[in-house]
Amino acid sequence: MILTHNMMSRRSQTRFLTLQRLAAIAVQGGLSETTRTCGNPSCACHKDAERRHGPHLYLTFRSRDGRSSSLYVPREQEPRVRKAVQAWAKLWETIVEISHRNREQMGGAMRRRKTRKGVPRGGRKA
């Protein structure tokens, strides 16, 4: 059965709209800042760790084949990428919340089924 908008409770509708909004911008991954030495051997960054370039922001993630990957985030893109990573965290949190609620409903339905007429609670009909 396909769940239509009219069939959903107001709370479910709100969650569904939240999921849609978050999914539109969410990016799975973590953010890390790092400093680097450049390719110029005469640069001070090669002799003094305090003078390395950065910090530079990277988005780290697992690629489809399971390998760890990273993507450099230019300064002008930092707010957008931070928002996308936060959206992923909220999306995941919302999905987990829905899963917990669904599991509770499923468990309640299974308990009610066990206590039907002719079936003792906690056991099968003899």
PDB file of N, CA and C in Angstrom:
ATOM      1  N   MET A   1       0.841  -1.174   0.000  1.00  0.00           N
ATOM      2  CA  MET A   1       0.000   0.000   0.000  1.00  0.00           C
ATOM      3  C   MET A   1       0.889   1.241   0.000  1.00  0.00           C
ATOM      4  N   ILE A   2       0.561   2.192  -0.811  1.00  0.00           N
ATOM      5  CA  ILE A   2       1.299   3.454  -0.876  1.00  0.00           C
ATOM      6  C   ILE A   2       0.663   4.422   0.105  1.00  0.00           C
ATOM      7  N   LEU A   3       1.481   4.998   0.957  1.00  0.00           N
ATOM      8  CA  LEU A   3       1.002   5.934   1.963  1.00  0.00           C
ATOM      9  C   LEU A   3       0.827   7.301   1.318  1.00  0.00           C
ATOM     10  N   THR A   4      -0.405   7.772   1.273  1.00  0.00           N
ATOM     11  CA  THR A   4      -0.667   9.085   0.683  1.00  0.00           C
ATOM     12  C   THR A   4      -0.574  10.148   1.763  1.00  0.00           C
ATOM     13  N   HIS A   5      -0.428  11.390   1.333  1.00  0.00           N
ATOM     14  CA  HIS A   5      -0.299  12.512   2.245  1.00  0.00           C
ATOM     15  C   HIS A   5      -1.524  12.609   3.162  1.00  0.00           C
ATOM     16  N   ASN A   6      -2.719  12.323   2.635  1.00  0.00           N
ATOM     17  CA  ASN A   6      -3.951  12.403   3.425  1.00  0.00           C
ATOM     18  C   ASN A   6      -4.016  11.334   4.509  1.00  0.00           C
ATOM     19  N   MET A   7      -3.332  10.210   4.311  1.00  0.00           N
ATOM     20  CA  MET A   7      -3.386   9.097   5.254  1.00  0.00           C
ATOM     21  C   MET A   7      -2.415   9.279   6.428  1.00  0.00           C
ATOM     22  N   MET A   8      -1.456  10.172   6.297  1.00  0.00           N
ATOM     23  CA  MET A   8      -0.449  10.365   7.336  1.00  0.00           C
ATOM     24  C   MET A   8      -0.988  11.259   8.454  1.00  0.00           C
ATOM     25  N   SER A   9      -0.541  10.978   9.685  1.00  0.00           N
ATOM     26  CA  SER A   9      -0.864  11.872  10.791  1.00  0.00           C
ATOM     27  C   SER A   9      -0.104  13.183  10.579  1.00  0.00           C
ATOM     28  N   ARG A  10      -0.538  14.203  11.266  1.00  0.00           N
ATOM     29  CA  ARG A  10       0.136  15.503  11.140  1.00  0.00           C
ATOM     30  C   ARG A  10       1.603  15.388  11.554  1.00  0.00           C
ATOM     31  N   ARG A  11       1.873  14.590  12.595  1.00  0.00           N
ATOM     32  CA  ARG A  11       3.251  14.407  13.052  1.00  0.00           C
ATOM     33  C   ARG A  11       4.085  13.693  11.979  1.00  0.00           C
ATOM     34  N   SER A  12       3.499  12.665  11.359  1.00  0.00           N
ATOM     35  CA  SER A  12       4.193  11.948  10.292  1.00  0.00           C
ATOM     36  C   SER A  12       4.436  12.856   9.094  1.00  0.00           C
ATOM     37  N   GLN A  13       3.467  13.713   8.782  1.00  0.00           N
ATOM     38  CA  GLN A  13       3.625  14.653   7.664  1.00  0.00           C
ATOM     39  C   GLN A  13       4.789  15.596   7.929  1.00  0.00           C
ATOM     40  N   THR A  14       4.867  16.077   9.172  1.00  0.00           N
ATOM     41  CA  THR A  14       5.952  16.994   9.537  1.00  0.00           C
ATOM     42  C   THR A  14       7.301  16.294   9.417  1.00  0.00           C
ATOM     43  N   ARG A  15       7.385  15.052   9.909  1.00  0.00           N
ATOM     44  CA  ARG A  15       8.636  14.296   9.797  1.00  0.00           C
ATOM     45  C   ARG A  15       9.005  14.056   8.341  1.00  0.00           C
ATOM     46  N   PHE A  16       8.018  13.708   7.540  1.00  0.00           N
ATOM     47  CA  PHE A  16       8.264  13.446   6.126  1.00  0.00           C
ATOM     48  C   PHE A  16       8.792  14.705   5.437  1.00  0.00           C
ATOM     49  N   LEU A  17       8.211  15.846   5.717  1.00  0.00           N
ATOM     50  CA  LEU A  17       8.680  17.102   5.118  1.00  0.00           C
ATOM     51  C   LEU A  17      10.094  17.435   5.603  1.00  0.00           C
ATOM     52  N   THR A  18      10.370  17.156   6.877  1.00  0.00           N
ATOM     53  CA  THR A  18      11.720  17.374   7.419  1.00  0.00           C
ATOM     54  C   THR A  18      12.729  16.493   6.685  1.00  0.00           C
ATOM     55  N   LEU A  19      12.370  15.217   6.492  1.00  0.00           N
ATOM     56  CA  LEU A  19      13.262  14.299   5.776  1.00  0.00           C
ATOM     57  C   LEU A  19      13.519  14.786   4.353  1.00  0.00           C
ATOM     58  N   GLN A  20      12.483  15.234   3.677  1.00  0.00           N
ATOM     59  CA  GLN A  20      12.653  15.737   2.306  1.00  0.00           C
ATOM     60  C   GLN A  20      13.589  16.942   2.274  1.00  0.00           C
ATOM     61  N   ARG A  21      13.385  17.872   3.197  1.00  0.00           N
ATOM     62  CA  ARG A  21      14.201  19.096   3.233  1.00  0.00           C
ATOM     63  C   ARG A  21      15.663  18.751   3.521  1.00  0.00           C
ATOM     64  N   LEU A  22      15.886  17.873   4.496  1.00  0.00           N
ATOM     65  CA  LEU A  22      17.251  17.494   4.849  1.00  0.00           C
ATOM     66  C   LEU A  22      17.930  16.698   3.734  1.00  0.00           C
ATOM     67  N   ALA A  23      17.196  15.761   3.138  1.00  0.00           N
ATOM     68  CA  ALA A  23      17.768  14.913   2.087  1.00  0.00           C
ATOM     69  C   ALA A  23      18.205  15.732   0.881  1.00  0.00           C
ATOM     70  N   ALA A  24      17.569  16.854   0.658  1.00  0.00           N
ATOM     71  CA  ALA A  24      17.902  17.693  -0.498  1.00  0.00           C
ATOM     72  C   ALA A  24      19.297  18.304  -0.391  1.00  0.00           C
ATOM     73  N   ILE A  25      19.813  18.447   0.849  1.00  0.00           N
ATOM     74  CA  ILE A  25      21.130  19.094   1.012  1.00  0.00           C
ATOM     75  C   ILE A  25      22.146  18.233   1.751  1.00  0.00           C
ATOM     76  N   ALA A  26      21.725  17.102   2.324  1.00  0.00           N
ATOM     77  CA  ALA A  26      22.600  16.309   3.193  1.00  0.00           C
ATOM     78  C   ALA A  26      23.771  15.683   2.444  1.00  0.00           C
ATOM     79  N   VAL A  27      24.915  15.682   3.118  1.00  0.00           N
ATOM     80  CA  VAL A  27      26.117  15.029   2.611  1.00  0.00           C
ATOM     81  C   VAL A  27      26.714  14.235   3.769  1.00  0.00           C
ATOM     82  N   GLN A  28      26.905  12.931   3.562  1.00  0.00           N
ATOM     83  CA  GLN A  28      27.481  12.077   4.594  1.00  0.00           C
ATOM     84  C   GLN A  28      28.984  12.283   4.623  1.00  0.00           C
ATOM     85  N   GLY A  29      29.523  12.481   5.807  1.00  0.00           N
ATOM     86  CA  GLY A  29      30.961  12.637   5.947  1.00  0.00           C
ATOM     87  C   GLY A  29      31.294  13.426   7.193  1.00  0.00           C
ATOM     88  N   GLY A  30      32.555  13.591   7.413  1.00  0.00           N
ATOM     89  CA  GLY A  30      33.036  14.363   8.549  1.00  0.00           C
ATOM     90  C   GLY A  30      33.959  15.464   8.064  1.00  0.00           C
ATOM     91  N   LEU A  31      34.129  16.463   8.885  1.00  0.00           N
ATOM     92  CA  LEU A  31      35.005  17.579   8.526  1.00  0.00           C
ATOM     93  C   LEU A  31      36.275  17.525   9.367  1.00  0.00           C
ATOM     94  N   SER A  32      37.395  17.794   8.720  1.00  0.00           N
ATOM     95  CA  SER A  32      38.662  17.844   9.442  1.00  0.00           C
ATOM     96  C   SER A  32      39.504  18.975   8.874  1.00  0.00           C
ATOM     97  N   GLU A  33      40.264  19.584   9.765  1.00  0.00           N
ATOM     98  CA  GLU A  33      41.180  20.649   9.355  1.00  0.00           C
ATOM     99  C   GLU A  33      42.597  20.124   9.483  1.00  0.00           C
ATOM    100  N   THR A  34      43.418  20.482   8.519  1.00  0.00           N
ATOM    101  CA  THR A  34      44.804  20.027   8.548  1.00  0.00           C
ATOM    102  C   THR A  34      45.711  21.114   7.995  1.00  0.00           C
ATOM    103  N   THR A  35      46.963  21.058   8.422  1.00  0.00           N
ATOM    104  CA  THR A  35      47.977  21.961   7.863  1.00  0.00           C
ATOM    105  C   THR A  35      48.876  21.133   6.950  1.00  0.00           C
ATOM    106  N   ARG A  36      49.492  21.793   6.003  1.00  0.00           N
ATOM    107  CA  ARG A  36      50.296  21.083   4.997  1.00  0.00           C
ATOM    108  C   ARG A  36      51.602  21.823   4.729  1.00  0.00           C
ATOM    109  N   THR A  37      52.558  21.045   4.231  1.00  0.00           N
ATOM    110  CA  THR A  37      53.763  21.655   3.672  1.00  0.00           C
ATOM    111  C   THR A  37      53.540  21.761   2.167  1.00  0.00           C
ATOM    112  N   CYS A  38      54.072  22.784   1.567  1.00  0.00           N
ATOM    113  CA  CYS A  38      53.868  23.000   0.137  1.00  0.00           C
ATOM    114  C   CYS A  38      54.957  22.302  -0.686  1.00  0.00           C
ATOM    115  N   GLY A  39      54.905  22.478  -1.960  1.00  0.00           N
ATOM    116  CA  GLY A  39      55.862  21.837  -2.849  1.00  0.00           C
ATOM    117  C   GLY A  39      57.155  22.602  -3.037  1.00  0.00           C
ATOM    118  N   ASN A  40      57.265  23.752  -2.414  1.00  0.00           N
ATOM    119  CA  ASN A  40      58.461  24.568  -2.543  1.00  0.00           C
ATOM    120  C   ASN A  40      59.436  24.214  -1.420  1.00  0.00           C
ATOM    121  N   PRO A  41      60.547  23.497  -1.744  1.00  0.00           N
ATOM    122  CA  PRO A  41      61.488  23.058  -0.702  1.00  0.00           C
ATOM    123  C   PRO A  41      62.144  24.206   0.070  1.00  0.00           C
ATOM    124  N   SER A  42      62.186  25.399  -0.492  1.00  0.00           N
ATOM    125  CA  SER A  42      62.824  26.513   0.213  1.00  0.00           C
ATOM    126  C   SER A  42      61.836  27.283   1.091  1.00  0.00           C
ATOM    127  N   CYS A  43      60.565  26.876   1.104  1.00  0.00           N
ATOM    128  CA  CYS A  43      59.547  27.555   1.917  1.00  0.00           C
ATOM    129  C   CYS A  43      59.786  27.234   3.396  1.00  0.00           C
ATOM    130  N   ALA A  44      59.462  28.174   4.251  1.00  0.00           N
ATOM    131  CA  ALA A  44      59.646  28.017   5.700  1.00  0.00           C
ATOM    132  C   ALA A  44      58.823  26.862   6.274  1.00  0.00           C
ATOM    133  N   CYS A  45      57.758  26.467   5.583  1.00  0.00           N
ATOM    134  CA  CYS A  45      56.902  25.388   6.094  1.00  0.00           C
ATOM    135  C   CYS A  45      57.636  24.050   6.159  1.00  0.00           C
ATOM    136  N   HIS A  46      58.705  23.908   5.395  1.00  0.00           N
ATOM    137  CA  HIS A  46      59.485  22.666   5.413  1.00  0.00           C
ATOM    138  C   HIS A  46      60.405  22.575   6.630  1.00  0.00           C
ATOM    139  N   LYS A  47      60.801  23.718   7.158  1.00  0.00           N
ATOM    140  CA  LYS A  47      61.734  23.740   8.280  1.00  0.00           C
ATOM    141  C   LYS A  47      61.036  23.913   9.634  1.00  0.00           C
ATOM    142  N   ASP A  48      59.870  24.565   9.623  1.00  0.00           N
ATOM    143  CA  ASP A  48      59.179  24.905  10.865  1.00  0.00           C
ATOM    144  C   ASP A  48      57.716  24.473  10.770  1.00  0.00           C
ATOM    145  N   ALA A  49      57.348  23.494  11.594  1.00  0.00           N
ATOM    146  CA  ALA A  49      55.979  22.974  11.572  1.00  0.00           C
ATOM    147  C   ALA A  49      54.956  24.047  11.910  1.00  0.00           C
ATOM    148  N   GLU A  50      55.336  25.039  12.686  1.00  0.00           N
ATOM    149  CA  GLU A  50      54.430  26.130  13.050  1.00  0.00           C
ATOM    150  C   GLU A  50      54.091  27.011  11.843  1.00  0.00           C
ATOM    151  N   ARG A  51      54.886  26.908  10.796  1.00  0.00           N
ATOM    152  CA  ARG A  51      54.675  27.775   9.624  1.00  0.00           C
ATOM    153  C   ARG A  51      54.058  27.019   8.443  1.00  0.00           C
ATOM    154  N   ARG A  52      53.502  25.838   8.719  1.00  0.00           N
ATOM    155  CA  ARG A  52      52.814  25.098   7.651  1.00  0.00           C
ATOM    156  C   ARG A  52      51.619  25.896   7.158  1.00  0.00           C
ATOM    157  N   HIS A  53      51.186  25.576   5.973  1.00  0.00           N
ATOM    158  CA  HIS A  53      50.057  26.275   5.358  1.00  0.00           C
ATOM    159  C   HIS A  53      48.747  25.688   5.859  1.00  0.00           C
ATOM    160  N   GLY A  54      47.776  26.568   6.098  1.00  0.00           N
ATOM    161  CA  GLY A  54      46.473  26.106   6.548  1.00  0.00           C
ATOM    162  C   GLY A  54      46.074  26.811   7.824  1.00  0.00           C
ATOM    163  N   PRO A  55      45.106  26.317   8.510  1.00  0.00           N
ATOM    164  CA  PRO A  55      44.495  25.010   8.286  1.00  0.00           C
ATOM    165  C   PRO A  55      43.577  25.004   7.065  1.00  0.00           C
ATOM    166  N   HIS A  56      43.527  23.854   6.413  1.00  0.00           N
ATOM    167  CA  HIS A  56      42.652  23.630   5.272  1.00  0.00           C
ATOM    168  C   HIS A  56      41.565  22.650   5.696  1.00  0.00           C
ATOM    169  N   LEU A  57      40.363  22.877   5.201  1.00  0.00           N
ATOM    170  CA  LEU A  57      39.226  22.047   5.569  1.00  0.00           C
ATOM    171  C   LEU A  57      39.023  20.942   4.533  1.00  0.00           C
ATOM    172  N   TYR A  58      38.764  19.731   5.024  1.00  0.00           N
ATOM    173  CA  TYR A  58      38.507  18.575   4.155  1.00  0.00           C
ATOM    174  C   TYR A  58      37.237  17.866   4.610  1.00  0.00           C
ATOM    175  N   LEU A  59      36.481  17.396   3.648  1.00  0.00           N
ATOM    176  CA  LEU A  59      35.341  16.527   3.902  1.00  0.00           C
ATOM    177  C   LEU A  59      35.840  15.103   3.736  1.00  0.00           C
ATOM    178  N   THR A  60      35.749  14.303   4.791  1.00  0.00           N
ATOM    179  CA  THR A  60      36.213  12.910   4.726  1.00  0.00           C
ATOM    180  C   THR A  60      34.993  11.996   4.710  1.00  0.00           C
ATOM    181  N   PHE A  61      35.081  10.932   3.926  1.00  0.00           N
ATOM    182  CA  PHE A  61      33.941  10.033   3.743  1.00  0.00           C
ATOM    183  C   PHE A  61      34.418   8.696   3.207  1.00  0.00           C
ATOM    184  N   ARG A  62      33.523   7.723   3.193  1.00  0.00           N
ATOM    185  CA  ARG A  62      33.782   6.420   2.576  1.00  0.00           C
ATOM    186  C   ARG A  62      33.177   6.453   1.181  1.00  0.00           C
ATOM    187  N   SER A  63      33.971   6.098   0.195  1.00  0.00           N
ATOM    188  CA  SER A  63      33.463   6.058  -1.182  1.00  0.00           C
ATOM    189  C   SER A  63      32.574   4.830  -1.347  1.00  0.00           C
ATOM    190  N   ARG A  64      31.936   4.706  -2.482  1.00  0.00           N
ATOM    191  CA  ARG A  64      31.018   3.582  -2.722  1.00  0.00           C
ATOM    192  C   ARG A  64      31.709   2.232  -2.588  1.00  0.00           C
ATOM    193  N   ASP A  65      32.993   2.186  -2.905  1.00  0.00           N
ATOM    194  CA  ASP A  65      33.730   0.912  -2.786  1.00  0.00           C
ATOM    195  C   ASP A  65      34.305   0.701  -1.381  1.00  0.00           C
ATOM    196  N   GLY A  66      33.962   1.584  -0.435  1.00  0.00           N
ATOM    197  CA  GLY A  66      34.368   1.410   0.956  1.00  0.00           C
ATOM    198  C   GLY A  66      35.689   2.047   1.329  1.00  0.00           C
ATOM    199  N   ARG A  67      36.339   2.682   0.383  1.00  0.00           N
ATOM    200  CA  ARG A  67      37.631   3.318   0.685  1.00  0.00           C
ATOM    201  C   ARG A  67      37.423   4.684   1.334  1.00  0.00           C
ATOM    202  N   SER A  68      38.343   5.023   2.211  1.00  0.00           N
ATOM    203  CA  SER A  68      38.317   6.338   2.840  1.00  0.00           C
ATOM    204  C   SER A  68      38.787   7.365   1.812  1.00  0.00           C
ATOM    205  N   SER A  69      38.053   8.440   1.692  1.00  0.00           N
ATOM    206  CA  SER A  69      38.379   9.495   0.731  1.00  0.00           C
ATOM    207  C   SER A  69      38.211  10.848   1.400  1.00  0.00           C
ATOM    208  N   SER A  70      38.790  11.852   0.777  1.00  0.00           N
ATOM    209  CA  SER A  70      38.593  13.210   1.270  1.00  0.00           C
ATOM    210  C   SER A  70      38.488  14.165   0.092  1.00  0.00           C
ATOM    211  N   LEU A  71      37.850  15.272   0.376  1.00  0.00           N
ATOM    212  CA  LEU A  71      37.605  16.290  -0.632  1.00  0.00           C
ATOM    213  C   LEU A  71      37.964  17.635  -0.017  1.00  0.00           C
ATOM    214  N   TYR A  72      38.846  18.378  -0.687  1.00  0.00           N
ATOM    215  CA  TYR A  72      39.222  19.701  -0.200  1.00  0.00           C
ATOM    216  C   TYR A  72      38.019  20.628  -0.283  1.00  0.00           C
ATOM    217  N   VAL A  73      37.802  21.418   0.774  1.00  0.00           N
ATOM    218  CA  VAL A  73      36.691  22.360   0.813  1.00  0.00           C
ATOM    219  C   VAL A  73      37.262  23.778   0.760  1.00  0.00           C
ATOM    220  N   PRO A  74      37.062  24.488  -0.349  1.00  0.00           N
ATOM    221  CA  PRO A  74      37.525  25.878  -0.421  1.00  0.00           C
ATOM    222  C   PRO A  74      36.822  26.739   0.634  1.00  0.00           C
ATOM    223  N   ARG A  75      37.495  27.752   1.146  1.00  0.00           N
ATOM    224  CA  ARG A  75      36.953  28.616   2.208  1.00  0.00           C
ATOM    225  C   ARG A  75      35.555  29.147   1.864  1.00  0.00           C
ATOM    226  N   GLU A  76      35.344  29.539   0.622  1.00  0.00           N
ATOM    227  CA  GLU A  76      34.041  30.116   0.255  1.00  0.00           C
ATOM    228  C   GLU A  76      32.917  29.076   0.277  1.00  0.00           C
ATOM    229  N   GLN A  77      33.268  27.794   0.251  1.00  0.00           N
ATOM    230  CA  GLN A  77      32.265  26.723   0.294  1.00  0.00           C
ATOM    231  C   GLN A  77      32.054  26.165   1.712  1.00  0.00           C
ATOM    232  N   GLU A  78      32.868  26.612   2.656  1.00  0.00           N
ATOM    233  CA  GLU A  78      32.812  26.062   4.017  1.00  0.00           C
ATOM    234  C   GLU A  78      31.421  26.134   4.645  1.00  0.00           C
ATOM    235  N   PRO A  79      30.717  27.281   4.625  1.00  0.00           N
ATOM    236  CA  PRO A  79      29.379  27.315   5.248  1.00  0.00           C
ATOM    237  C   PRO A  79      28.405  26.309   4.619  1.00  0.00           C
ATOM    238  N   ARG A  80      28.452  26.196   3.315  1.00  0.00           N
ATOM    239  CA  ARG A  80      27.560  25.270   2.602  1.00  0.00           C
ATOM    240  C   ARG A  80      27.853  23.817   2.985  1.00  0.00           C
ATOM    241  N   VAL A  81      29.134  23.459   3.045  1.00  0.00           N
ATOM    242  CA  VAL A  81      29.522  22.087   3.370  1.00  0.00           C
ATOM    243  C   VAL A  81      29.208  21.776   4.829  1.00  0.00           C
ATOM    244  N   ARG A  82      29.461  22.720   5.730  1.00  0.00           N
ATOM    245  CA  ARG A  82      29.124  22.504   7.143  1.00  0.00           C
ATOM    246  C   ARG A  82      27.618  22.278   7.312  1.00  0.00           C
ATOM    247  N   LYS A  83      26.826  23.055   6.610  1.00  0.00           N
ATOM    248  CA  LYS A  83      25.365  22.901   6.671  1.00  0.00           C
ATOM    249  C   LYS A  83      24.937  21.534   6.129  1.00  0.00           C
ATOM    250  N   ALA A  84      25.581  21.078   5.071  1.00  0.00           N
ATOM    251  CA  ALA A  84      25.254  19.785   4.466  1.00  0.00           C
ATOM    252  C   ALA A  84      25.590  18.626   5.408  1.00  0.00           C
ATOM    253  N   VAL A  85      26.722  18.714   6.106  1.00  0.00           N
ATOM    254  CA  VAL A  85      27.124  17.674   7.053  1.00  0.00           C
ATOM    255  C   VAL A  85      26.183  17.682   8.263  1.00  0.00           C
ATOM    256  N   GLN A  86      25.800  18.868   8.724  1.00  0.00           N
ATOM    257  CA  GLN A  86      24.832  18.969   9.828  1.00  0.00           C
ATOM    258  C   GLN A  86      23.474  18.409   9.408  1.00  0.00           C
ATOM    259  N   ALA A  87      23.082  18.645   8.157  1.00  0.00           N
ATOM    260  CA  ALA A  87      21.815  18.107   7.648  1.00  0.00           C
ATOM    261  C   ALA A  87      21.851  16.585   7.645  1.00  0.00           C
ATOM    262  N   TRP A  88      23.005  15.995   7.287  1.00  0.00           N
ATOM    263  CA  TRP A  88      23.136  14.535   7.314  1.00  0.00           C
ATOM    264  C   TRP A  88      22.935  14.010   8.742  1.00  0.00           C
ATOM    265  N   ALA A  89      23.549  14.666   9.718  1.00  0.00           N
ATOM    266  CA  ALA A  89      23.417  14.227  11.112  1.00  0.00           C
ATOM    267  C   ALA A  89      21.964  14.305  11.565  1.00  0.00           C
ATOM    268  N   LYS A  90      21.272  15.366  11.219  1.00  0.00           N
ATOM    269  CA  LYS A  90      19.869  15.523  11.596  1.00  0.00           C
ATOM    270  C   LYS A  90      18.993  14.517  10.849  1.00  0.00           C
ATOM    271  N   LEU A  91      19.310  14.269   9.591  1.00  0.00           N
ATOM    272  CA  LEU A  91      18.578  13.276   8.800  1.00  0.00           C
ATOM    273  C   LEU A  91      18.705  11.902   9.447  1.00  0.00           C
ATOM    274  N   TRP A  92      19.911  11.531   9.806  1.00  0.00           N
ATOM    275  CA  TRP A  92      20.159  10.243  10.445  1.00  0.00           C
ATOM    276  C   TRP A  92      19.419  10.167  11.789  1.00  0.00           C
ATOM    277  N   GLU A  93      19.500  11.223  12.575  1.00  0.00           N
ATOM    278  CA  GLU A  93      18.827  11.268  13.869  1.00  0.00           C
ATOM    279  C   GLU A  93      17.313  11.094  13.697  1.00  0.00           C
ATOM    280  N   THR A  94      16.745  11.727  12.707  1.00  0.00           N
ATOM    281  CA  THR A  94      15.305  11.632  12.450  1.00  0.00           C
ATOM    282  C   THR A  94      14.919  10.234  12.002  1.00  0.00           C
ATOM    283  N   ILE A  95      15.725   9.631  11.147  1.00  0.00           N
ATOM    284  CA  ILE A  95      15.443   8.270  10.678  1.00  0.00           C
ATOM    285  C   ILE A  95      15.518   7.283  11.839  1.00  0.00           C
ATOM    286  N   VAL A  96      16.501   7.442  12.712  1.00  0.00           N
ATOM    287  CA  VAL A  96      16.625   6.562  13.877  1.00  0.00           C
ATOM    288  C   VAL A  96      15.410   6.725  14.785  1.00  0.00           C
ATOM    289  N   GLU A  97      14.959   7.946  14.978  1.00  0.00           N
ATOM    290  CA  GLU A  97      13.769   8.214  15.790  1.00  0.00           C
ATOM    291  C   GLU A  97      12.536   7.520  15.191  1.00  0.00           C
ATOM    292  N   ILE A  98      12.372   7.615  13.894  1.00  0.00           N
ATOM    293  CA  ILE A  98      11.258   6.949  13.212  1.00  0.00           C
ATOM    294  C   ILE A  98      11.374   5.439  13.373  1.00  0.00           C
ATOM    295  N   SER A  99      12.577   4.908  13.242  1.00  0.00           N
ATOM    296  CA  SER A  99      12.798   3.474  13.396  1.00  0.00           C
ATOM    297  C   SER A  99      12.415   2.997  14.794  1.00  0.00           C
ATOM    298  N   HIS A 100      12.797   3.754  15.824  1.00  0.00           N
ATOM    299  CA  HIS A 100      12.439   3.392  17.200  1.00  0.00           C
ATOM    300  C   HIS A 100      10.921   3.358  17.364  1.00  0.00           C
ATOM    301  N   ARG A 101      10.253   4.368  16.836  1.00  0.00           N
ATOM    302  CA  ARG A 101       8.792   4.424  16.934  1.00  0.00           C
ATOM    303  C   ARG A 101       8.162   3.253  16.192  1.00  0.00           C
ATOM    304  N   ASN A 102       8.652   2.955  15.010  1.00  0.00           N
ATOM    305  CA  ASN A 102       8.117   1.832  14.228  1.00  0.00           C
ATOM    306  C   ASN A 102       8.333   0.502  14.952  1.00  0.00           C
ATOM    307  N   ARG A 103       9.506   0.348  15.577  1.00  0.00           N
ATOM    308  CA  ARG A 103       9.795  -0.886  16.308  1.00  0.00           C
ATOM    309  C   ARG A 103       8.865  -1.039  17.506  1.00  0.00           C
ATOM    310  N   GLU A 104       8.614   0.068  18.213  1.00  0.00           N
ATOM    311  CA  GLU A 104       7.694   0.022  19.348  1.00  0.00           C
ATOM    312  C   GLU A 104       6.289  -0.368  18.886  1.00  0.00           C
ATOM    313  N   GLN A 105       5.839   0.214  17.778  1.00  0.00           N
ATOM    314  CA  GLN A 105       4.521  -0.134  17.242  1.00  0.00           C
ATOM    315  C   GLN A 105       4.485  -1.597  16.809  1.00  0.00           C
ATOM    316  N   MET A 106       5.546  -2.058  16.190  1.00  0.00           N
ATOM    317  CA  MET A 106       5.618  -3.443  15.742  1.00  0.00           C
ATOM    318  C   MET A 106       5.579  -4.392  16.945  1.00  0.00           C
ATOM    319  N   GLY A 107       6.341  -4.061  17.981  1.00  0.00           N
ATOM    320  CA  GLY A 107       6.355  -4.882  19.186  1.00  0.00           C
ATOM    321  C   GLY A 107       4.989  -4.920  19.844  1.00  0.00           C
ATOM    322  N   GLY A 108       4.312  -3.773  19.900  1.00  0.00           N
ATOM    323  CA  GLY A 108       2.970  -3.725  20.473  1.00  0.00           C
ATOM    324  C   GLY A 108       1.998  -4.579  19.686  1.00  0.00           C
ATOM    325  N   ALA A 109       2.085  -4.544  18.377  1.00  0.00           N
ATOM    326  CA  ALA A 109       1.202  -5.349  17.527  1.00  0.00           C
ATOM    327  C   ALA A 109       1.479  -6.832  17.733  1.00  0.00           C
ATOM    328  N   MET A 110       2.733  -7.209  17.905  1.00  0.00           N
ATOM    329  CA  MET A 110       3.074  -8.619  18.125  1.00  0.00           C
ATOM    330  C   MET A 110       2.592  -9.094  19.490  1.00  0.00           C
ATOM    331  N   ARG A 111       2.705  -8.216  20.516  1.00  0.00           N
ATOM    332  CA  ARG A 111       2.216  -8.589  21.845  1.00  0.00           C
ATOM    333  C   ARG A 111       0.700  -8.757  21.833  1.00  0.00           C
ATOM    334  N   ARG A 112      -0.005  -7.865  21.156  1.00  0.00           N
ATOM    335  CA  ARG A 112      -1.463  -7.977  21.064  1.00  0.00           C
ATOM    336  C   ARG A 112      -1.863  -9.253  20.354  1.00  0.00           C
ATOM    337  N   ARG A 113      -1.122  -9.637  19.355  1.00  0.00           N
ATOM    338  CA  ARG A 113      -1.428 -10.847  18.597  1.00  0.00           C
ATOM    339  C   ARG A 113      -1.274 -12.087  19.474  1.00  0.00           C
ATOM    340  N   LYS A 114      -0.268 -12.099  20.344  1.00  0.00           N
ATOM    341  CA  LYS A 114      -0.029 -13.236  21.234  1.00  0.00           C
ATOM    342  C   LYS A 114      -1.170 -13.424  22.229  1.00  0.00           C
ATOM    343  N   THR A 115      -1.835 -12.339  22.605  1.00  0.00           N
ATOM    344  CA  THR A 115      -2.865 -12.423  23.638  1.00  0.00           C
ATOM    345  C   THR A 115      -4.265 -12.607  23.046  1.00  0.00           C
ATOM    346  N   ARG A 116      -4.361 -12.972  21.782  1.00  0.00           N
ATOM    347  CA  ARG A 116      -5.675 -13.233  21.174  1.00  0.00           C
ATOM    348  C   ARG A 116      -6.379 -14.372  21.888  1.00  0.00           C
ATOM    349  N   LYS A 117      -7.663 -14.417  21.746  1.00  0.00           N
ATOM    350  CA  LYS A 117      -8.495 -15.454  22.378  1.00  0.00           C
ATOM    351  C   LYS A 117      -7.988 -16.847  22.002  1.00  0.00           C
ATOM    352  N   GLY A 118      -7.834 -17.707  23.000  1.00  0.00           N
ATOM    353  CA  GLY A 118      -7.407 -19.076  22.772  1.00  0.00           C
ATOM    354  C   GLY A 118      -5.909 -19.272  22.826  1.00  0.00           C
ATOM    355  N   VAL A 119      -5.151 -18.198  22.901  1.00  0.00           N
ATOM    356  CA  VAL A 119      -3.689 -18.316  22.963  1.00  0.00           C
ATOM    357  C   VAL A 119      -3.234 -17.683  24.269  1.00  0.00           C
ATOM    358  N   PRO A 120      -2.710 -18.493  25.200  1.00  0.00           N
ATOM    359  CA  PRO A 120      -2.256 -17.935  26.478  1.00  0.00           C
ATOM    360  C   PRO A 120      -1.098 -16.968  26.264  1.00  0.00           C
ATOM    361  N   ARG A 121      -1.033 -15.983  27.117  1.00  0.00           N
ATOM    362  CA  ARG A 121       0.048 -14.980  27.039  1.00  0.00           C
ATOM    363  C   ARG A 121       1.393 -15.682  27.218  1.00  0.00           C
ATOM    364  N   GLY A 122       2.306 -15.451  26.277  1.00  0.00           N
ATOM    365  CA  GLY A 122       3.649 -16.005  26.365  1.00  0.00           C
ATOM    366  C   GLY A 122       3.767 -17.430  25.848  1.00  0.00           C
ATOM    367  N   GLY A 123       2.720 -17.975  25.295  1.00  0.00           N
ATOM    368  CA  GLY A 123       2.834 -19.345  24.789  1.00  0.00           C
ATOM    369  C   GLY A 123       1.965 -19.588  23.573  1.00  0.00           C
ATOM    370  N   ARG A 124       2.065 -20.768  23.037  1.00  0.00           N
ATOM    371  CA  ARG A 124       1.278 -21.129  21.849  1.00  0.00           C
ATOM    372  C   ARG A 124       0.076 -21.973  22.268  1.00  0.00           C
ATOM    373  N   LYS A 125      -0.905 -21.987  21.417  1.00  0.00           N
ATOM    374  CA  LYS A 125      -2.100 -22.792  21.668  1.00  0.00           C
ATOM    375  C   LYS A 125      -1.708 -24.263  21.659  1.00  0.00           C
ATOM    376  N   ALA A 126      -2.194 -25.015  22.644  1.00  0.00           N
ATOM    377  CA  ALA A 126      -1.816 -26.438  22.780  1.00  0.00           C
ATOM    378  C   ALA A 126      -2.506 -27.312  21.782  1.00  0.00           C
TER     379      ALA A 126
END
